[in-house]
C-alpha atoms as a PDB file:
ATOM      1  CA  MET A   1     110.263 -70.429 121.370  1.00  0.00           C
ATOM      2  CA  ALA A   2     113.682 -71.835 122.264  1.00  0.00           C
ATOM      3  CA  LYS A   3     114.365 -75.399 121.223  1.00  0.00           C
ATOM      4  CA  GLU A   4     115.794 -77.665 123.957  1.00  0.00           C
ATOM      5  CA  LYS A   5     119.045 -79.476 123.265  1.00  0.00           C
ATOM      6  CA  ASP A   6     118.924 -83.218 122.773  1.00  0.00           C
ATOM      7  CA  THR A   7     120.150 -84.726 126.051  1.00  0.00           C
ATOM      8  CA  GLY A   8     120.212 -88.303 124.730  1.00  0.00           C
ATOM      9  CA  ARG A   9     123.392 -90.264 124.187  1.00  0.00           C
ATOM     10  CA  LYS A  10     124.140 -91.071 120.530  1.00  0.00           C
ATOM     11  CA  LEU A  11     126.841 -93.743 120.414  1.00  0.00           C
ATOM     12  CA  VAL A  12     129.473 -93.305 117.696  1.00  0.00           C
ATOM     13  CA  ALA A  13     132.049 -95.989 118.571  1.00  0.00           C
ATOM     14  CA  GLN A  14     132.584 -98.556 121.287  1.00  0.00           C
ATOM     15  CA  ASN A  15     135.662-100.500 122.381  1.00  0.00           C
ATOM     16  CA  LYS A  16     134.275-103.928 123.297  1.00  0.00           C
ATOM     17  CA  LYS A  17     137.725-105.495 123.251  1.00  0.00           C
ATOM     18  CA  ALA A  18     138.841-103.262 126.138  1.00  0.00           C
ATOM     19  CA  ARG A  19     136.287-104.836 128.483  1.00  0.00           C
ATOM     20  CA  HIS A  20     137.569-108.270 127.441  1.00  0.00           C
ATOM     21  CA  ASP A  21     141.284-107.472 127.738  1.00  0.00           C
ATOM     22  CA  TYR A  22     141.207-105.278 130.856  1.00  0.00           C
ATOM     23  CA  LEU A  23     139.684-105.253 134.308  1.00  0.00           C
ATOM     24  CA  ILE A  24     137.902-101.876 134.510  1.00  0.00           C
ATOM     25  CA  LEU A  25     138.654-100.150 137.828  1.00  0.00           C
ATOM     26  CA  ASP A  26     137.166 -96.678 137.358  1.00  0.00           C
ATOM     27  CA  THR A  27     135.460 -94.772 134.511  1.00  0.00           C
ATOM     28  CA  TYR A  28     135.427 -91.079 133.596  1.00  0.00           C
ATOM     29  CA  GLU A  29     133.481 -88.977 131.073  1.00  0.00           C
ATOM     30  CA  CYS A  30     135.588 -86.400 129.228  1.00  0.00           C
ATOM     31  CA  GLY A  31     135.131 -83.819 126.541  1.00  0.00           C
ATOM     32  CA  LEU A  32     137.328 -83.728 123.437  1.00  0.00           C
ATOM     33  CA  VAL A  33     139.061 -80.902 121.597  1.00  0.00           C
ATOM     34  CA  LEU A  34     138.135 -81.536 117.951  1.00  0.00           C
ATOM     35  CA  THR A  35     138.325 -79.706 114.638  1.00  0.00           C
ATOM     36  CA  GLY A  36     135.241 -79.083 112.501  1.00  0.00           C
ATOM     37  CA  THR A  37     135.863 -81.897 110.026  1.00  0.00           C
ATOM     38  CA  GLU A  38     136.405 -84.367 112.888  1.00  0.00           C
ATOM     39  CA  VAL A  39     132.993 -83.513 114.344  1.00  0.00           C
ATOM     40  CA  LYS A  40     131.346 -83.922 110.929  1.00  0.00           C
ATOM     41  CA  SER A  41     133.038 -87.285 110.439  1.00  0.00           C
ATOM     42  CA  LEU A  42     131.920 -88.421 113.916  1.00  0.00           C
ATOM     43  CA  ARG A  43     128.341 -87.326 113.222  1.00  0.00           C
ATOM     44  CA  GLN A  44     128.398 -89.746 110.282  1.00  0.00           C
ATOM     45  CA  GLY A  45     129.145 -92.459 112.851  1.00  0.00           C
ATOM     46  CA  ARG A  46     132.682 -93.188 111.750  1.00  0.00           C
ATOM     47  CA  ALA A  47     135.437 -93.848 114.302  1.00  0.00           C
ATOM     48  CA  SER A  48     137.512 -96.662 115.761  1.00  0.00           C
ATOM     49  CA  LEU A  49     138.742 -96.911 119.348  1.00  0.00           C
ATOM     50  CA  ALA A  50     140.484-100.278 118.884  1.00  0.00           C
ATOM     51  CA  ASP A  51     144.116 -99.181 119.370  1.00  0.00           C
ATOM     52  CA  GLY A  52     143.417 -96.088 121.451  1.00  0.00           C
ATOM     53  CA  PHE A  53     144.989 -95.183 124.769  1.00  0.00           C
ATOM     54  CA  VAL A  54     145.274 -92.127 127.009  1.00  0.00           C
ATOM     55  CA  GLN A  55     148.590 -90.646 128.076  1.00  0.00           C
ATOM     56  CA  ILE A  56     149.107 -87.854 130.580  1.00  0.00           C
ATOM     57  CA  ASP A  57     151.849 -85.375 129.648  1.00  0.00           C
ATOM     58  CA  ASP A  58     152.594 -82.253 131.667  1.00  0.00           C
ATOM     59  CA  HIS A  59     149.302 -82.472 133.624  1.00  0.00           C
ATOM     60  CA  GLU A  60     147.238 -82.732 130.415  1.00  0.00           C
ATOM     61  CA  ALA A  61     145.383 -85.834 129.191  1.00  0.00           C
ATOM     62  CA  TRP A  62     145.897 -86.787 125.537  1.00  0.00           C
ATOM     63  CA  LEU A  63     144.048 -89.409 123.499  1.00  0.00           C
ATOM     64  CA  HIS A  64     146.324 -91.334 121.120  1.00  0.00           C
ATOM     65  CA  ASN A  65     145.690 -93.743 118.188  1.00  0.00           C
ATOM     66  CA  VAL A  66     141.933 -93.198 117.896  1.00  0.00           C
ATOM     67  CA  HIS A  67     141.029 -93.360 114.212  1.00  0.00           C
ATOM     68  CA  VAL A  68     138.575 -90.702 113.025  1.00  0.00           C
ATOM     69  CA  PRO A  69     138.559 -90.988 109.215  1.00  0.00           C
ATOM     70  CA  GLU A  70     138.844 -87.884 107.078  1.00  0.00           C
ATOM     71  CA  TYR A  71     135.587 -86.135 106.236  1.00  0.00           C
ATOM     72  CA  THR A  72     134.683 -87.061 102.646  1.00  0.00           C
ATOM     73  CA  GLN A  73     133.505 -83.564 101.662  1.00  0.00           C
ATOM     74  CA  GLY A  74     136.403 -81.852 103.443  1.00  0.00           C
ATOM     75  CA  THR A  75     138.951 -79.775 101.590  1.00  0.00           C
ATOM     76  CA  TRP A  76     142.560 -78.919 102.408  1.00  0.00           C
ATOM     77  CA  THR A  77     141.375 -78.134 105.962  1.00  0.00           C
ATOM     78  CA  ASN A  78     140.744 -81.831 106.638  1.00  0.00           C
ATOM     79  CA  HIS A  79     142.229 -83.354 109.784  1.00  0.00           C
ATOM     80  CA  SER A  80     144.801 -86.118 110.175  1.00  0.00           C
ATOM     81  CA  ALA A  81     143.039 -89.443 110.897  1.00  0.00           C
ATOM     82  CA  ARG A  82     145.179 -90.568 113.867  1.00  0.00           C
ATOM     83  CA  ARG A  83     146.304 -87.297 115.441  1.00  0.00           C
ATOM     84  CA  LYS A  84     146.492 -86.983 119.213  1.00  0.00           C
ATOM     85  CA  ARG A  85     143.526 -85.190 120.760  1.00  0.00           C
ATOM     86  CA  LYS A  86     143.352 -83.294 124.030  1.00  0.00           C
ATOM     87  CA  LEU A  87     140.862 -84.476 126.643  1.00  0.00           C
ATOM     88  CA  LEU A  88     138.898 -81.973 128.709  1.00  0.00           C
ATOM     89  CA  MET A  89     138.915 -83.022 132.364  1.00  0.00           C
ATOM     90  CA  HIS A  90     139.144 -81.373 135.762  1.00  0.00           C
ATOM     91  CA  ARG A  91     142.662 -80.962 137.155  1.00  0.00           C
ATOM     92  CA  VAL A  92     141.835 -83.132 140.196  1.00  0.00           C
ATOM     93  CA  GLU A  93     140.694 -85.992 137.946  1.00  0.00           C
ATOM     94  CA  ILE A  94     143.810 -85.733 135.778  1.00  0.00           C
ATOM     95  CA  ASP A  95     146.095 -85.782 138.820  1.00  0.00           C
ATOM     96  CA  LYS A  96     144.268 -88.783 140.268  1.00  0.00           C
ATOM     97  CA  LEU A  97     144.485 -90.644 136.946  1.00  0.00           C
ATOM     98  CA  GLU A  98     148.151 -89.810 136.548  1.00  0.00           C
ATOM     99  CA  GLN A  99     148.951 -91.115 140.024  1.00  0.00           C
ATOM    100  CA  LYS A 100     147.009 -94.362 139.540  1.00  0.00           C
ATOM    101  CA  SER A 101     148.225 -95.016 135.994  1.00  0.00           C
ATOM    102  CA  ASN A 102     151.841 -94.852 137.120  1.00  0.00           C
ATOM    103  CA  GLU A 103     151.246 -97.963 139.231  1.00  0.00           C
ATOM    104  CA  SER A 104     152.433-101.226 137.742  1.00  0.00           C
ATOM    105  CA  GLY A 105     150.031-102.850 135.259  1.00  0.00           C
ATOM    106  CA  HIS A 106     147.579 -99.931 135.067  1.00  0.00           C
ATOM    107  CA  THR A 107     146.618 -98.103 131.889  1.00  0.00           C
ATOM    108  CA  ILE A 108     143.936 -95.717 130.654  1.00  0.00           C
ATOM    109  CA  VAL A 109     141.802 -96.924 127.737  1.00  0.00           C
ATOM    110  CA  PRO A 110     138.847 -95.394 125.844  1.00  0.00           C
ATOM    111  CA  LEU A 111     135.589 -97.343 126.172  1.00  0.00           C
ATOM    112  CA  ALA A 112     133.018 -95.354 124.170  1.00  0.00           C
ATOM    113  CA  LEU A 113     132.772 -92.262 121.985  1.00  0.00           C
ATOM    114  CA  TYR A 114     129.377 -90.569 121.824  1.00  0.00           C
ATOM    115  CA  PHE A 115     127.450 -87.328 121.536  1.00  0.00           C
ATOM    116  CA  LYS A 116     125.672 -86.049 124.629  1.00  0.00           C
ATOM    117  CA  GLY A 117     123.731 -82.816 124.483  1.00  0.00           C
ATOM    118  CA  GLY A 118     125.229 -82.074 121.072  1.00  0.00           C
ATOM    119  CA  ARG A 119     128.820 -82.338 122.352  1.00  0.00           C
ATOM    120  CA  ALA A 120     131.349 -85.085 121.638  1.00  0.00           C
ATOM    121  CA  LYS A 121     132.240 -87.028 124.786  1.00  0.00           C
ATOM    122  CA  ILE A 122     134.463 -89.994 125.436  1.00  0.00           C
ATOM    123  CA  GLU A 123     134.251 -92.489 128.267  1.00  0.00           C
ATOM    124  CA  ILE A 124     137.699 -93.530 129.459  1.00  0.00           C
ATOM    125  CA  ALA A 125     138.625 -96.085 132.085  1.00  0.00           C
ATOM    126  CA  LEU A 126     141.466 -96.767 134.433  1.00  0.00           C
ATOM    127  CA  ALA A 127     142.148-100.427 133.731  1.00  0.00           C
ATOM    128  CA  LYS A 128     144.436-103.261 134.710  1.00  0.00           C
ATOM    129  CA  GLY A 129     145.464-105.880 132.146  1.00  0.00           C
ATOM    130  CA  LYS A 130     143.934-109.325 132.499  1.00  0.00           C
ATOM    131  CA  LYS A 131     145.923-112.526 132.294  1.00  0.00           C
ATOM    132  CA  GLU A 132     144.837-115.230 129.854  1.00  0.00           C
ATOM    133  CA  TYR A 133     143.245-117.360 132.589  1.00  0.00           C
ATOM    134  CA  ASP A 134     141.254-114.330 133.822  1.00  0.00           C
ATOM    135  CA  LYS A 135     139.828-113.876 130.317  1.00  0.00           C
ATOM    136  CA  ARG A 136     138.812-117.557 130.170  1.00  0.00           C
ATOM    137  CA  GLN A 137     137.204-117.299 133.621  1.00  0.00           C
ATOM    138  CA  THR A 138     135.195-114.236 132.554  1.00  0.00           C
ATOM    139  CA  LEU A 139     133.962-116.018 129.410  1.00  0.00           C
ATOM    140  CA  ARG A 140     133.017-119.096 131.464  1.00  0.00           C
ATOM    141  CA  GLU A 141     131.027-116.958 133.943  1.00  0.00           C
ATOM    142  CA  LYS A 142     129.261-115.175 131.087  1.00  0.00           C
ATOM    143  CA  GLN A 143     128.339-118.486 129.461  1.00  0.00           C
ATOM    144  CA  ASP A 144     127.078-119.928 132.780  1.00  0.00           C
ATOM    145  CA  ARG A 145     124.941-116.832 133.394  1.00  0.00           C
ATOM    146  CA  ARG A 146     123.480-117.114 129.888  1.00  0.00           C
ATOM    147  CA  GLU A 147     122.630-120.813 130.412  1.00  0.00           C
ATOM    148  CA  THR A 148     120.909-120.176 133.750  1.00  0.00           C
ATOM    149  CA  ASP A 149     118.883-117.331 132.207  1.00  0.00           C
ATOM    150  CA  ARG A 150     117.777-119.644 129.401  1.00  0.00           C
ATOM    151  CA  ALA A 151     116.792-122.381 131.871  1.00  0.00           C
ATOM    152  CA  VAL A 152     114.807-119.929 134.029  1.00  0.00           C
ATOM    153  CA  SER A 153     112.972-118.490 131.018  1.00  0.00           C
ATOM    154  CA  ALA A 154     112.167-122.012 129.757  1.00  0.00           C
ATOM    155  CA  VAL A 155     110.655-122.931 133.138  1.00  0.00           C
ATOM    156  CA  ARG A 156     108.584-119.735 133.160  1.00  0.00           C
ATOM    157  CA  ARG A 157     107.350-120.435 129.636  1.00  0.00           C
ATOM    158  CA  ARG A 158     106.257-123.938 130.656  1.00  0.00           C
ATOM    159  CA  GLN A 159     104.480-122.549 133.745  1.00  0.00           C
ATOM    160  CA  ARG A 160     102.595-119.976 131.671  1.00  0.00           C
ATOM    161  CA  ALA A 161     101.625-122.605 129.105  1.00  0.00           C
ATOM    162  CA  SER A 162     100.302-124.985 131.776  1.00  0.00           C
ATOM    163  CA  SER A 163      98.293-122.272 133.573  1.00  0.00           C
ATOM    164  CA  VAL A 164      96.470-121.182 130.406  1.00  0.00           C
END
C-alpha cells in the first residue's frame, strides 16, 4: 500500500522583521535548489532569513544572504552557509517580479522557509520600505486592536458570569 506524502506545512524559519520593516505588496511561493547537506540542516530546523534578499540576474531569481548552517555530521561535501541559492519560479512570475522590483523603493524579501509535501519551499514578497512614522502607526494600530479585543472579551466574560 502506497504511503501518502505529508501535505502539511512544517515551518523552518520566519522573517518577522520583514513584515515590520516593509509594506508587503504581493507574495509568491517558490522552490529552492539545495544540496543534500542543506536539506538535512533545514530538517533540523536551522536557518535564518534575517539578512536575506532576492535578486534577479539574467531572468533567474537568486536568494542571497540566507544563513543555512553547515550540517554537523557532514563531511568535506558540506555546503557554504551563506551561498546564493537559485529559486524555482515560472518565467512569467520572474519577469513580473523583475519589472516591479526595478521601480523605486521596491525590493524582494524572503518571509518564510518551510517544507510542504516533503519539499523545501520559500515564501517571498514584493515589498516597499516603510518610513519610521509608518512603523509607529502600524504598532499603534496593532496595540489598539489588542486593547479592543481585550475589552470585548472582558465584557463577554462578565456576561457569561452573570447569566450563570
